[in-house]
Amino acid sequence: MSDVITWWSRSSSTEGDGHANESGPAGAASFALLTPREREVLSHISQGCSNKQGAIRMQIGPRTFESHRARVMRKFGAKNAADLVRMALLKPNVD
């Protein structure tokens, strides 16, 4: 699994698509900018939860969960949940 992540990380960093990634300063700063609630949402997304499942676990509405998720994606410059999971797996301090 880590071989895939390493490969993906290298290929993403050489594409220059304008999105923040975990290896650059913008990616590292993104983790610092997350609120505790957004870190919790990122944790649920990393565990493979859908919006509905994450909302149930956090005892909030699905739309609220989606709003938190959208803010996390914007802060990271992620295009989709797979980008978020990749970043979370490569950053050791995300719960």
C-alpha atoms as a PDB file:
ATOM      1  CA  MET A   1       0.000   0.000   0.000  1.00  0.00           C
ATOM      2  CA  SER A   2       2.779   2.453   0.841  1.00  0.00           C
ATOM      3  CA  ASP A   3       4.363   1.769  -2.577  1.00  0.00           C
ATOM      4  CA  VAL A   4       1.200   3.014  -4.239  1.00  0.00           C
ATOM      5  CA  ILE A   5       1.139   6.101  -2.022  1.00  0.00           C
ATOM      6  CA  THR A   6       4.804   6.808  -2.749  1.00  0.00           C
ATOM      7  CA  TRP A   7       4.236   6.441  -6.475  1.00  0.00           C
ATOM      8  CA  TRP A   8       1.155   8.655  -6.362  1.00  0.00           C
ATOM      9  CA  SER A   9       2.966  11.270  -4.306  1.00  0.00           C
ATOM     10  CA  ARG A  10       5.845  11.443  -6.785  1.00  0.00           C
ATOM     11  CA  SER A  11       3.594  11.600  -9.823  1.00  0.00           C
ATOM     12  CA  SER A  12       1.359  14.245  -8.260  1.00  0.00           C
ATOM     13  CA  SER A  13       4.239  16.474  -7.242  1.00  0.00           C
ATOM     14  CA  THR A  14       5.688  16.467 -10.769  1.00  0.00           C
ATOM     15  CA  GLU A  15       2.430  17.283 -12.545  1.00  0.00           C
ATOM     16  CA  GLY A  16       2.311  20.904 -11.433  1.00  0.00           C
ATOM     17  CA  ASP A  17      -1.481  21.068 -11.484  1.00  0.00           C
ATOM     18  CA  GLY A  18      -1.624  24.009  -9.075  1.00  0.00           C
ATOM     19  CA  HIS A  19      -3.082  22.032  -6.193  1.00  0.00           C
ATOM     20  CA  ALA A  20      -1.502  21.917  -2.770  1.00  0.00           C
ATOM     21  CA  ASN A  21       0.067  18.629  -1.802  1.00  0.00           C
ATOM     22  CA  GLU A  22       1.471  17.329   1.447  1.00  0.00           C
ATOM     23  CA  SER A  23       5.111  17.692   0.420  1.00  0.00           C
ATOM     24  CA  GLY A  24       4.971  21.442  -0.134  1.00  0.00           C
ATOM     25  CA  PRO A  25       4.553  24.241   2.381  1.00  0.00           C
ATOM     26  CA  ALA A  26       0.917  24.770   1.391  1.00  0.00           C
ATOM     27  CA  GLY A  27       0.090  21.129   2.224  1.00  0.00           C
ATOM     28  CA  ALA A  28       1.788  21.327   5.605  1.00  0.00           C
ATOM     29  CA  ALA A  29       0.091  24.625   6.379  1.00  0.00           C
ATOM     30  CA  SER A  30      -3.287  23.150   5.450  1.00  0.00           C
ATOM     31  CA  PHE A  31      -3.152  20.737   8.379  1.00  0.00           C
ATOM     32  CA  ALA A  32      -2.408  23.620  10.733  1.00  0.00           C
ATOM     33  CA  LEU A  33      -5.408  25.545   9.378  1.00  0.00           C
ATOM     34  CA  LEU A  34      -7.922  22.781  10.097  1.00  0.00           C
ATOM     35  CA  THR A  35     -10.320  23.244  12.982  1.00  0.00           C
ATOM     36  CA  PRO A  36     -10.785  20.329  15.401  1.00  0.00           C
ATOM     37  CA  ARG A  37     -14.138  19.583  13.745  1.00  0.00           C
ATOM     38  CA  GLU A  38     -12.569  19.555  10.294  1.00  0.00           C
ATOM     39  CA  ARG A  39      -9.852  17.188  11.549  1.00  0.00           C
ATOM     40  CA  GLU A  40     -12.593  14.899  12.830  1.00  0.00           C
ATOM     41  CA  VAL A  41     -14.343  15.007   9.446  1.00  0.00           C
ATOM     42  CA  LEU A  42     -11.046  14.241   7.700  1.00  0.00           C
ATOM     43  CA  SER A  43     -10.561  11.288  10.030  1.00  0.00           C
ATOM     44  CA  HIS A  44     -13.972   9.851   9.102  1.00  0.00           C
ATOM     45  CA  ILE A  45     -13.333  10.405   5.396  1.00  0.00           C
ATOM     46  CA  SER A  46      -9.973   8.626   5.758  1.00  0.00           C
ATOM     47  CA  GLN A  47     -11.768   5.681   7.359  1.00  0.00           C
ATOM     48  CA  GLY A  48     -13.964   5.408   4.270  1.00  0.00           C
ATOM     49  CA  CYS A  49     -17.175   6.841   5.704  1.00  0.00           C
ATOM     50  CA  SER A  50     -19.757   8.328   3.406  1.00  0.00           C
ATOM     51  CA  ASN A  51     -21.212  11.746   4.224  1.00  0.00           C
ATOM     52  CA  LYS A  52     -24.190  10.076   5.866  1.00  0.00           C
ATOM     53  CA  GLN A  53     -22.089   7.625   7.896  1.00  0.00           C
ATOM     54  CA  GLY A  54     -19.718  10.372   9.046  1.00  0.00           C
ATOM     55  CA  ALA A  55     -22.635  12.577  10.034  1.00  0.00           C
ATOM     56  CA  ILE A  56     -24.190   9.784  12.092  1.00  0.00           C
ATOM     57  CA  ARG A  57     -20.888   9.097  13.874  1.00  0.00           C
ATOM     58  CA  MET A  58     -20.431  12.791  14.664  1.00  0.00           C
ATOM     59  CA  GLN A  59     -24.104  13.239  15.547  1.00  0.00           C
ATOM     60  CA  ILE A  60     -24.583  16.086  13.075  1.00  0.00           C
ATOM     61  CA  GLY A  61     -26.658  16.501   9.938  1.00  0.00           C
ATOM     62  CA  PRO A  62     -25.367  15.154   6.613  1.00  0.00           C
ATOM     63  CA  ARG A  63     -25.401  18.634   5.079  1.00  0.00           C
ATOM     64  CA  THR A  64     -23.271  19.970   7.951  1.00  0.00           C
ATOM     65  CA  PHE A  65     -20.811  17.129   7.399  1.00  0.00           C
ATOM     66  CA  GLU A  66     -20.719  17.984   3.681  1.00  0.00           C
ATOM     67  CA  SER A  67     -19.988  21.628   4.531  1.00  0.00           C
ATOM     68  CA  HIS A  68     -17.077  20.653   6.764  1.00  0.00           C
ATOM     69  CA  ARG A  69     -15.809  18.294   4.074  1.00  0.00           C
ATOM     70  CA  ALA A  70     -16.003  21.033   1.432  1.00  0.00           C
ATOM     71  CA  ARG A  71     -13.970  23.401   3.641  1.00  0.00           C
ATOM     72  CA  VAL A  72     -11.307  20.728   4.210  1.00  0.00           C
ATOM     73  CA  MET A  73     -11.112  20.070   0.471  1.00  0.00           C
ATOM     74  CA  ARG A  74     -10.802  23.791  -0.253  1.00  0.00           C
ATOM     75  CA  LYS A  75      -8.042  24.241   2.353  1.00  0.00           C
ATOM     76  CA  PHE A  76      -6.087  21.302   0.918  1.00  0.00           C
ATOM     77  CA  GLY A  77      -6.742  22.082  -2.705  1.00  0.00           C
ATOM     78  CA  ALA A  78      -8.091  18.546  -3.095  1.00  0.00           C
ATOM     79  CA  LYS A  79     -10.204  17.636  -6.104  1.00  0.00           C
ATOM     80  CA  ASN A  80     -11.926  14.671  -4.464  1.00  0.00           C
ATOM     81  CA  ALA A  81     -12.039  12.442  -1.394  1.00  0.00           C
ATOM     82  CA  ALA A  82      -9.212  10.272  -2.732  1.00  0.00           C
ATOM     83  CA  ASP A  83      -6.893  13.301  -2.627  1.00  0.00           C
ATOM     84  CA  LEU A  84      -7.916  13.942   0.978  1.00  0.00           C
ATOM     85  CA  VAL A  85      -7.322  10.334   2.000  1.00  0.00           C
ATOM     86  CA  ARG A  86      -3.915  10.321   0.305  1.00  0.00           C
ATOM     87  CA  MET A  87      -2.911  13.495   2.151  1.00  0.00           C
ATOM     88  CA  ALA A  88      -4.221  12.181   5.460  1.00  0.00           C
ATOM     89  CA  LEU A  89      -2.355   8.871   5.081  1.00  0.00           C
ATOM     90  CA  LEU A  90       0.892  10.647   4.336  1.00  0.00           C
ATOM     91  CA  LYS A  91       0.541  13.011   7.298  1.00  0.00           C
ATOM     92  CA  PRO A  92       1.163  11.026  10.513  1.00  0.00           C
ATOM     93  CA  ASN A  93      -0.524  13.414  12.989  1.00  0.00           C
ATOM     94  CA  VAL A  94      -4.073  13.136  11.570  1.00  0.00           C
ATOM     95  CA  ASP A  95      -6.270  10.998  13.821  1.00  0.00           C
END
